[in-house]
Amino acid sequence: MHILMSSLRDSDPAVHQHLLSQHIKPEFFAFRWITLLLSQEFELPDVLRLWDSLFSDSQRFGFLVDVCCAMIRLVRRNVLKNDFASNMKLLQNYPPSTSIEEVIRAAIKSRKP
């Protein structure tokens, strides 16, 4: 969880600070994301597409963290305007309209060389 928040701090300091100010810990939402490899956040075809990318990457865990950060950044506008309760609901029930391809592209784009 620390790695996820460190990565978010580096990639989007404003969102990181906003979550900290609301006392939203990654354990509240990302524990499920990481332990279940995002299988509860997306429909099965999207999960299979994500897993294909994840398991083909030599830095699997790092890529999973990149994907989680990308998911947060993709809802950035909402996170920054929402209160604690709304952000908890948003992050614990990730918007199903989010394209898995968009998430994967954002994760790859933000990767550190």
C-alpha atoms as a PDB file:
ATOM      1  CA  MET A   1       0.000   0.000   0.000  1.00  0.00           C
ATOM      2  CA  HIS A   2       2.918   2.300   0.736  1.00  0.00           C
ATOM      3  CA  ILE A   3       4.287   1.747  -2.780  1.00  0.00           C
ATOM      4  CA  LEU A   4       0.924   2.692  -4.281  1.00  0.00           C
ATOM      5  CA  MET A   5       0.719   5.937  -2.313  1.00  0.00           C
ATOM      6  CA  SER A   6       4.352   6.793  -3.077  1.00  0.00           C
ATOM      7  CA  SER A   7       3.695   6.265  -6.755  1.00  0.00           C
ATOM      8  CA  LEU A   8       0.551   8.395  -6.577  1.00  0.00           C
ATOM      9  CA  ARG A   9       2.481  11.126  -4.748  1.00  0.00           C
ATOM     10  CA  ASP A  10       5.053  11.164  -7.567  1.00  0.00           C
ATOM     11  CA  SER A  11       2.541  11.053 -10.416  1.00  0.00           C
ATOM     12  CA  ASP A  12      -0.210  13.305  -9.014  1.00  0.00           C
ATOM     13  CA  PRO A  13       0.742  15.217  -5.861  1.00  0.00           C
ATOM     14  CA  ALA A  14      -2.575  17.108  -5.721  1.00  0.00           C
ATOM     15  CA  VAL A  15      -4.677  13.930  -5.611  1.00  0.00           C
ATOM     16  CA  HIS A  16      -2.273  12.318  -3.161  1.00  0.00           C
ATOM     17  CA  GLN A  17      -2.501  15.320  -0.831  1.00  0.00           C
ATOM     18  CA  HIS A  18      -6.282  15.492  -1.144  1.00  0.00           C
ATOM     19  CA  LEU A  19      -6.654  11.827  -0.163  1.00  0.00           C
ATOM     20  CA  LEU A  20      -4.306  12.383   2.780  1.00  0.00           C
ATOM     21  CA  SER A  21      -6.240  15.450   3.911  1.00  0.00           C
ATOM     22  CA  GLN A  22      -9.426  13.366   3.903  1.00  0.00           C
ATOM     23  CA  HIS A  23      -7.665  10.567   5.805  1.00  0.00           C
ATOM     24  CA  ILE A  24      -8.415   8.111   2.984  1.00  0.00           C
ATOM     25  CA  LYS A  25      -5.928   5.294   3.296  1.00  0.00           C
ATOM     26  CA  PRO A  26      -5.245   2.878   0.442  1.00  0.00           C
ATOM     27  CA  GLU A  27      -6.278   0.025   2.735  1.00  0.00           C
ATOM     28  CA  PHE A  28      -9.837   1.329   2.420  1.00  0.00           C
ATOM     29  CA  PHE A  29     -10.003   0.687  -1.328  1.00  0.00           C
ATOM     30  CA  ALA A  30      -6.753  -0.634  -2.825  1.00  0.00           C
ATOM     31  CA  PHE A  31      -6.404  -3.693  -0.609  1.00  0.00           C
ATOM     32  CA  ARG A  32      -9.204  -5.349  -2.579  1.00  0.00           C
ATOM     33  CA  TRP A  33      -7.841  -4.010  -5.867  1.00  0.00           C
ATOM     34  CA  ILE A  34      -4.427  -5.533  -5.284  1.00  0.00           C
ATOM     35  CA  THR A  35      -5.297  -8.792  -3.529  1.00  0.00           C
ATOM     36  CA  LEU A  36      -7.957  -9.683  -6.100  1.00  0.00           C
ATOM     37  CA  LEU A  37      -5.935  -8.333  -9.045  1.00  0.00           C
ATOM     38  CA  LEU A  38      -8.747  -5.922  -9.914  1.00  0.00           C
ATOM     39  CA  SER A  39     -11.129  -8.783 -10.678  1.00  0.00           C
ATOM     40  CA  GLN A  40     -13.975  -7.080  -8.814  1.00  0.00           C
ATOM     41  CA  GLU A  41     -13.563  -3.699 -10.468  1.00  0.00           C
ATOM     42  CA  PHE A  42     -14.143  -4.647 -14.106  1.00  0.00           C
ATOM     43  CA  GLU A  43     -16.235  -7.025 -16.189  1.00  0.00           C
ATOM     44  CA  LEU A  44     -14.676 -10.437 -16.905  1.00  0.00           C
ATOM     45  CA  PRO A  45     -13.563  -9.696 -20.506  1.00  0.00           C
ATOM     46  CA  ASP A  46     -11.824  -6.544 -19.239  1.00  0.00           C
ATOM     47  CA  VAL A  47     -10.253  -8.449 -16.337  1.00  0.00           C
ATOM     48  CA  LEU A  48      -8.876 -11.032 -18.783  1.00  0.00           C
ATOM     49  CA  ARG A  49      -7.465  -8.245 -20.973  1.00  0.00           C
ATOM     50  CA  LEU A  50      -5.884  -6.628 -17.916  1.00  0.00           C
ATOM     51  CA  TRP A  51      -4.457  -9.917 -16.657  1.00  0.00           C
ATOM     52  CA  ASP A  52      -2.991 -10.608 -20.087  1.00  0.00           C
ATOM     53  CA  SER A  53      -1.101  -7.318 -19.862  1.00  0.00           C
ATOM     54  CA  LEU A  54      -0.224  -7.829 -16.221  1.00  0.00           C
ATOM     55  CA  PHE A  55       1.121 -11.369 -16.503  1.00  0.00           C
ATOM     56  CA  SER A  56       3.065 -10.642 -19.685  1.00  0.00           C
ATOM     57  CA  ASP A  57       4.916  -7.794 -17.983  1.00  0.00           C
ATOM     58  CA  SER A  58       8.251  -8.698 -16.407  1.00  0.00           C
ATOM     59  CA  GLN A  59       7.551  -6.221 -13.586  1.00  0.00           C
ATOM     60  CA  ARG A  60       4.094  -7.592 -12.737  1.00  0.00           C
ATOM     61  CA  PHE A  61       3.708  -6.033  -9.308  1.00  0.00           C
ATOM     62  CA  GLY A  62       5.048  -2.697 -10.473  1.00  0.00           C
ATOM     63  CA  PHE A  63       2.638  -2.731 -13.384  1.00  0.00           C
ATOM     64  CA  LEU A  64      -0.254  -3.543 -11.029  1.00  0.00           C
ATOM     65  CA  VAL A  65       0.678  -0.485  -8.947  1.00  0.00           C
ATOM     66  CA  ASP A  66       0.877   1.595 -12.142  1.00  0.00           C
ATOM     67  CA  VAL A  67      -2.613   0.405 -13.111  1.00  0.00           C
ATOM     68  CA  CYS A  68      -4.012   1.281  -9.679  1.00  0.00           C
ATOM     69  CA  CYS A  69      -2.458   4.758  -9.872  1.00  0.00           C
ATOM     70  CA  ALA A  70      -3.833   5.207 -13.370  1.00  0.00           C
ATOM     71  CA  MET A  71      -7.297   4.270 -12.118  1.00  0.00           C
ATOM     72  CA  ILE A  72      -7.104   6.965  -9.465  1.00  0.00           C
ATOM     73  CA  ARG A  73      -5.752   9.554 -11.886  1.00  0.00           C
ATOM     74  CA  LEU A  74      -8.542   8.796 -14.378  1.00  0.00           C
ATOM     75  CA  VAL A  75     -11.132   9.854 -11.783  1.00  0.00           C
ATOM     76  CA  ARG A  76      -8.950  12.764 -10.641  1.00  0.00           C
ATOM     77  CA  ARG A  77     -11.498  15.496 -11.263  1.00  0.00           C
ATOM     78  CA  ASN A  78     -14.080  13.740  -9.101  1.00  0.00           C
ATOM     79  CA  VAL A  79     -11.585  12.909  -6.355  1.00  0.00           C
ATOM     80  CA  LEU A  80     -10.508  16.544  -6.060  1.00  0.00           C
ATOM     81  CA  LYS A  81     -14.068  17.880  -5.791  1.00  0.00           C
ATOM     82  CA  ASN A  82     -15.601  15.099  -3.661  1.00  0.00           C
ATOM     83  CA  ASP A  83     -15.888  14.906   0.090  1.00  0.00           C
ATOM     84  CA  PHE A  84     -14.722  11.912   2.137  1.00  0.00           C
ATOM     85  CA  ALA A  85     -17.905   9.860   1.746  1.00  0.00           C
ATOM     86  CA  SER A  86     -18.156  10.463  -1.998  1.00  0.00           C
ATOM     87  CA  ASN A  87     -14.500   9.568  -2.541  1.00  0.00           C
ATOM     88  CA  MET A  88     -14.839   6.392  -0.525  1.00  0.00           C
ATOM     89  CA  LYS A  89     -17.857   5.390  -2.599  1.00  0.00           C
ATOM     90  CA  LEU A  90     -16.057   6.285  -5.833  1.00  0.00           C
ATOM     91  CA  LEU A  91     -12.898   4.330  -5.023  1.00  0.00           C
ATOM     92  CA  GLN A  92     -14.662   1.336  -3.492  1.00  0.00           C
ATOM     93  CA  ASN A  93     -17.090   1.138  -6.427  1.00  0.00           C
ATOM     94  CA  TYR A  94     -14.922   2.096  -9.348  1.00  0.00           C
ATOM     95  CA  PRO A  95     -16.958   3.523 -12.268  1.00  0.00           C
ATOM     96  CA  PRO A  96     -17.843   0.671 -14.629  1.00  0.00           C
ATOM     97  CA  SER A  97     -17.865   3.025 -17.593  1.00  0.00           C
ATOM     98  CA  THR A  98     -14.080   3.360 -17.462  1.00  0.00           C
ATOM     99  CA  SER A  99     -12.443   1.662 -20.430  1.00  0.00           C
ATOM    100  CA  ILE A 100      -9.835  -0.947 -19.510  1.00  0.00           C
ATOM    101  CA  GLU A 101      -7.848   0.072 -22.582  1.00  0.00           C
ATOM    102  CA  GLU A 102      -7.746   3.642 -21.288  1.00  0.00           C
ATOM    103  CA  VAL A 103      -6.557   2.402 -17.877  1.00  0.00           C
ATOM    104  CA  ILE A 104      -3.815   0.249 -19.413  1.00  0.00           C
ATOM    105  CA  ARG A 105      -2.675   3.080 -21.706  1.00  0.00           C
ATOM    106  CA  ALA A 106      -2.518   5.509 -18.775  1.00  0.00           C
ATOM    107  CA  ALA A 107      -0.547   2.963 -16.712  1.00  0.00           C
ATOM    108  CA  ILE A 108       1.968   2.357 -19.496  1.00  0.00           C
ATOM    109  CA  LYS A 109       2.322   6.077 -20.196  1.00  0.00           C
ATOM    110  CA  SER A 110       3.180   6.799 -16.550  1.00  0.00           C
ATOM    111  CA  ARG A 111       5.768   4.030 -16.165  1.00  0.00           C
ATOM    112  CA  LYS A 112       9.168   5.043 -14.977  1.00  0.00           C
ATOM    113  CA  PRO A 113      11.999   4.082 -17.343  1.00  0.00           C
END
